[in-house]
Amino acid sequence: MLIENEHGFDPREILLPTAGGYSSDLSAEVAKAIQATVSANVWVLHVADNLTSGREFLEN
């Protein structure tokens, strides 16, 4: 999902919310492609039940 505000689309800041579902890999690939193209900052948002499972998710 891309959100445009009153200033237009700015691809230099990307928030990548993920629950680890089937589309997470595709979303991550799109974010990586945009990052490589415009030197964007990518922020990953994943809510986990505990710190250990959250770290495991991000490491995999």
N, C-alpha and C. Protein backbone atom coordinates (compact mmCIF):
# COMPACT_ATOMS: atom_id res chain seq x y z
N MET A 1 0.85 -1.16 0.00
CA MET A 1 0.00 0.00 0.00
C MET A 1 0.90 1.23 0.00
N LEU A 2 0.60 2.16 -0.85
CA LEU A 2 1.33 3.42 -0.91
C LEU A 2 0.39 4.54 -0.50
N ILE A 3 0.89 5.44 0.32
CA ILE A 3 0.07 6.56 0.78
C ILE A 3 0.70 7.85 0.30
N GLU A 4 -0.12 8.67 -0.30
CA GLU A 4 0.35 9.97 -0.78
C GLU A 4 -0.32 11.05 0.07
N ASN A 5 0.48 12.01 0.52
CA ASN A 5 -0.10 13.10 1.30
C ASN A 5 -0.13 14.37 0.45
N GLU A 6 -0.37 15.49 1.09
CA GLU A 6 -0.48 16.75 0.34
C GLU A 6 0.82 17.16 -0.34
N HIS A 7 1.93 16.56 0.04
CA HIS A 7 3.22 16.87 -0.57
C HIS A 7 3.56 15.92 -1.70
N GLY A 8 2.69 14.96 -1.97
CA GLY A 8 2.96 13.97 -3.00
C GLY A 8 3.63 12.74 -2.43
N PHE A 9 3.95 11.82 -3.27
CA PHE A 9 4.59 10.57 -2.88
C PHE A 9 6.08 10.79 -2.66
N ASP A 10 6.56 10.46 -1.48
CA ASP A 10 7.98 10.58 -1.16
C ASP A 10 8.51 9.18 -0.83
N PRO A 11 9.19 8.54 -1.76
CA PRO A 11 9.64 7.16 -1.55
C PRO A 11 10.89 7.03 -0.70
N ARG A 12 11.38 8.13 -0.12
CA ARG A 12 12.62 8.05 0.67
C ARG A 12 12.40 7.51 2.08
N GLU A 13 11.15 7.43 2.53
CA GLU A 13 10.81 6.88 3.84
C GLU A 13 9.74 5.82 3.64
N ILE A 14 10.07 4.57 3.98
CA ILE A 14 9.15 3.46 3.76
C ILE A 14 8.87 2.77 5.09
N LEU A 15 7.60 2.63 5.43
CA LEU A 15 7.20 1.84 6.58
C LEU A 15 6.63 0.54 6.04
N LEU A 16 7.24 -0.57 6.45
CA LEU A 16 6.85 -1.89 5.96
C LEU A 16 6.20 -2.67 7.10
N PRO A 17 4.86 -2.57 7.25
CA PRO A 17 4.19 -3.36 8.27
C PRO A 17 4.08 -4.80 7.78
N THR A 18 4.36 -5.76 8.65
CA THR A 18 4.30 -7.15 8.24
C THR A 18 3.84 -8.04 9.38
N ALA A 19 3.04 -9.02 9.03
CA ALA A 19 2.59 -10.01 9.99
C ALA A 19 3.19 -11.37 9.67
N GLY A 20 4.02 -11.40 8.63
CA GLY A 20 4.64 -12.66 8.24
C GLY A 20 3.77 -13.51 7.34
N GLY A 21 2.73 -12.93 6.77
CA GLY A 21 1.82 -13.66 5.89
C GLY A 21 2.41 -13.91 4.52
N TYR A 22 1.60 -14.43 3.63
CA TYR A 22 2.06 -14.83 2.30
C TYR A 22 2.56 -13.66 1.46
N SER A 23 2.10 -12.46 1.74
CA SER A 23 2.52 -11.31 0.93
C SER A 23 3.73 -10.58 1.52
N SER A 24 4.21 -11.02 2.67
CA SER A 24 5.33 -10.33 3.33
C SER A 24 6.59 -10.34 2.49
N ASP A 25 6.88 -11.47 1.85
CA ASP A 25 8.09 -11.56 1.02
C ASP A 25 8.02 -10.59 -0.15
N LEU A 26 6.87 -10.53 -0.81
CA LEU A 26 6.71 -9.61 -1.94
C LEU A 26 6.83 -8.16 -1.48
N SER A 27 6.21 -7.83 -0.36
CA SER A 27 6.29 -6.47 0.17
C SER A 27 7.73 -6.09 0.49
N ALA A 28 8.48 -7.02 1.06
CA ALA A 28 9.88 -6.77 1.38
C ALA A 28 10.71 -6.57 0.12
N GLU A 29 10.43 -7.34 -0.92
CA GLU A 29 11.16 -7.19 -2.19
C GLU A 29 10.88 -5.83 -2.83
N VAL A 30 9.63 -5.39 -2.77
CA VAL A 30 9.28 -4.08 -3.32
C VAL A 30 10.00 -2.98 -2.53
N ALA A 31 9.99 -3.09 -1.21
CA ALA A 31 10.68 -2.09 -0.37
C ALA A 31 12.17 -2.08 -0.67
N LYS A 32 12.78 -3.25 -0.85
CA LYS A 32 14.21 -3.32 -1.19
C LYS A 32 14.50 -2.66 -2.53
N ALA A 33 13.62 -2.88 -3.50
CA ALA A 33 13.82 -2.30 -4.83
C ALA A 33 13.73 -0.78 -4.77
N ILE A 34 12.75 -0.27 -4.04
CA ILE A 34 12.63 1.19 -3.89
C ILE A 34 13.84 1.73 -3.14
N GLN A 35 14.26 1.02 -2.09
CA GLN A 35 15.43 1.45 -1.32
C GLN A 35 16.67 1.55 -2.20
N ALA A 36 16.88 0.56 -3.03
CA ALA A 36 18.05 0.55 -3.90
C ALA A 36 17.98 1.66 -4.95
N THR A 37 16.79 2.00 -5.38
CA THR A 37 16.62 2.99 -6.44
C THR A 37 16.80 4.42 -5.93
N VAL A 38 16.25 4.72 -4.76
CA VAL A 38 16.25 6.11 -4.29
C VAL A 38 16.96 6.28 -2.94
N SER A 39 17.71 5.27 -2.51
CA SER A 39 18.41 5.31 -1.22
C SER A 39 17.45 5.60 -0.07
N ALA A 40 16.34 4.90 -0.05
CA ALA A 40 15.29 5.12 0.95
C ALA A 40 15.66 4.49 2.29
N ASN A 41 15.05 5.03 3.34
CA ASN A 41 15.10 4.40 4.66
C ASN A 41 13.90 3.48 4.76
N VAL A 42 14.12 2.24 5.19
CA VAL A 42 13.03 1.28 5.34
C VAL A 42 12.89 0.93 6.81
N TRP A 43 11.68 1.08 7.32
CA TRP A 43 11.36 0.76 8.70
C TRP A 43 10.42 -0.43 8.68
N VAL A 44 10.73 -1.47 9.44
CA VAL A 44 9.88 -2.66 9.51
C VAL A 44 9.09 -2.61 10.80
N LEU A 45 7.77 -2.84 10.68
CA LEU A 45 6.89 -2.87 11.84
C LEU A 45 6.30 -4.26 11.93
N HIS A 46 6.62 -4.96 13.01
CA HIS A 46 6.08 -6.29 13.26
C HIS A 46 5.72 -6.36 14.73
N VAL A 47 4.48 -6.65 15.03
CA VAL A 47 4.04 -6.76 16.42
C VAL A 47 4.11 -8.23 16.81
N ALA A 48 4.81 -8.51 17.90
CA ALA A 48 4.98 -9.88 18.38
C ALA A 48 4.48 -10.00 19.81
N ASP A 49 4.18 -11.22 20.20
CA ASP A 49 3.71 -11.47 21.56
C ASP A 49 4.81 -11.28 22.60
N ASN A 50 6.07 -11.52 22.18
CA ASN A 50 7.17 -11.33 23.11
C ASN A 50 8.43 -10.97 22.32
N LEU A 51 9.43 -10.50 23.02
CA LEU A 51 10.66 -10.01 22.39
C LEU A 51 11.39 -11.11 21.63
N THR A 52 11.42 -12.30 22.18
CA THR A 52 12.14 -13.41 21.54
C THR A 52 11.54 -13.76 20.18
N SER A 53 10.22 -13.90 20.12
CA SER A 53 9.59 -14.25 18.84
C SER A 53 9.73 -13.10 17.84
N GLY A 54 9.70 -11.86 18.31
CA GLY A 54 9.89 -10.72 17.41
C GLY A 54 11.27 -10.70 16.81
N ARG A 55 12.28 -10.97 17.61
CA ARG A 55 13.66 -11.01 17.09
C ARG A 55 13.84 -12.15 16.11
N GLU A 56 13.26 -13.31 16.43
CA GLU A 56 13.37 -14.46 15.52
C GLU A 56 12.74 -14.13 14.17
N PHE A 57 11.61 -13.45 14.20
CA PHE A 57 10.93 -13.07 12.95
C PHE A 57 11.84 -12.18 12.10
N LEU A 58 12.44 -11.18 12.71
CA LEU A 58 13.27 -10.24 11.98
C LEU A 58 14.56 -10.88 11.47
N GLU A 59 15.08 -11.85 12.19
CA GLU A 59 16.31 -12.52 11.78
C GLU A 59 16.09 -13.48 10.62
N ASN A 60 14.89 -13.98 10.49
CA ASN A 60 14.58 -14.92 9.40
C ASN A 60 14.05 -14.17 8.24
